[in-house]
Amino acid sequence: MLNHYYTIEKDGNFELEIKKSRFICHLKQVKNEIEAQDFIQSIKKEHGKANHNCVAYLIGEHDEIQRAYDDGEPSGTAGVPMLEVLKKRQLKNVVAVVTRYFGGTKLGAGGLIRAYGKAVSQGLNEIGVVERKLHTQMTIHVSYPASGKLENLLREANYRIKDIFYSDIVSFSCLIDQEQLTFFQAKVIEWLNGQVTFEKGPQVYCDKKISL
C-alpha cells in the first residue's frame, strides 16, 4: 500500500462554454478499469446526443493503467491533454469524461487541446483534490478517572478520534498518521504517566483537502 497519494475529493462535474461549444467535465473515483468503463458508458448513454465524449483515466498505485480516447476529435487533441492534467496533478484512480456539444465554431487543434485540458483542470479545482494518507487505527485503553483528561488532550492536539467505547475501562479508537505513531504513543504515555495500554489495529486511508 502506498503511504499516500492524491485523488479527487468526490465525484462530480463541471461545465464551461468556449465559443458557444459546451464542455462538461465528469470526474469519478474508480478502483479498477471495469468501473472506469462502466462510468464512461453511463456518460455516453446520458449524453448520447453530444458530438463527443472524450476520455482519460489513471488507475493503479503506480499508474499501471493509463488511457486516453479522442472519440472523434482530431487525434491527440482531447484525451491526451486530459490525461496530462491528471498526471500533472499526480492523481490516482480517477476517470475523466469531457462531453462536448459543438456550438458551430471550430477551435482548431491548439484550441481543442486548450479547451479539453481547461475543462479537466477547472473541473478538478471545482470538485476538489485530497491527499489520501495511510493511518493506523490505534486503540488506547485507560481507566475511567483518566478518560476525561485523555479525551481533552487528544482533541486539543487535533488527533482523529474514531470511536469511544465504555466497558469496565474506556477505550479511545484513534486514527494516527503512520509517521507519527511512535511520537503519538510516547505523548500519550507522558500525559497519563504510563497508566495506559495500546492495541494496534488495521491500516486505513484518511483524506486531507489540498488547497489549490
Foldseek 3Di string as FASTA:
>chain_A
DDQKFKAFPAWDWDWDADPQKIKIKTKHAAADVVVQVVVLVVVCVVPVVFPAWWKWAFEDPVSPDTDTGGRPDPPPQARVLLNVLCVVRRHYRMMMIITIHDRPDDLPSVRSNVVNNVRNNVGRVVRFMKMKGKWWWKKKWAAPVCVVVVVVVCVVVPWAFPDWDDDRIIITTTTGNPVCVVVVVVVVCVSVVNRMDMDIDDMDIDIDTDDD
